[in-house]
């Protein structure tokens, strides 16, 4: 308990974006370095296909922690509520961290260990979506359309993650998972956040056309 208290009070964990951004950046370096060594034949993998290793690490160990760290910081501001308490995001961060380590070690030595790491990251992903959903439900602002689209994108990401896990036993699900993750998760989430944040950073508020936005999302 004392160790957990020290972690919560440490400056590095005082803001949710800090540990998640560092994890995402570290995962980017490690995953690309491992992929390069395996691709060049310097080291052997435990049997995981290179394209699947690259897709999973980029989508769920790089972009997902980065997005979660950003949203855990900004989503409460969008929703007009208090910042997220450390206990709400440290569990998700811990699952992402341990899961990432298991994935990298598993890529080298044990496919089953890598699969276990994916399951841990998947649970952490679910926990993060639940935190965002809780914030949305308790929001004090009246216009929550942007938050709703962000949640929809995050839900698509979680479904795509689930399909990737299913692909462990049913390989045909891998392709569907990657397509869903790229177009319905990453593209949708990036576009939704951008159209919300760019006017804020540029200090040039613009009128939103909800019908046009819905058409763009549909396309």
Foldseek 3Di string as FASTA:
>chain_A
DVVVVCVLPDPQLVALQRLLQVQLVVLVVLLVVVLVCCVVVVADWPPDDSVLSVLCSVQQRHVLSNVLSVCLHCLLVVQVHDRDRSVQLVQLSVLSVVLSVQLSVCRRPNVVSNLVSLVSNLVSLVSSLVVLVVSLVPGPDDDCPLSVQLSQLSVLLSVLSVLSSVCVVVVVSPVVSSVSSVLSHPVSNVVSVCVVCVCVVVVNDDDDDVVVVVVVSVD
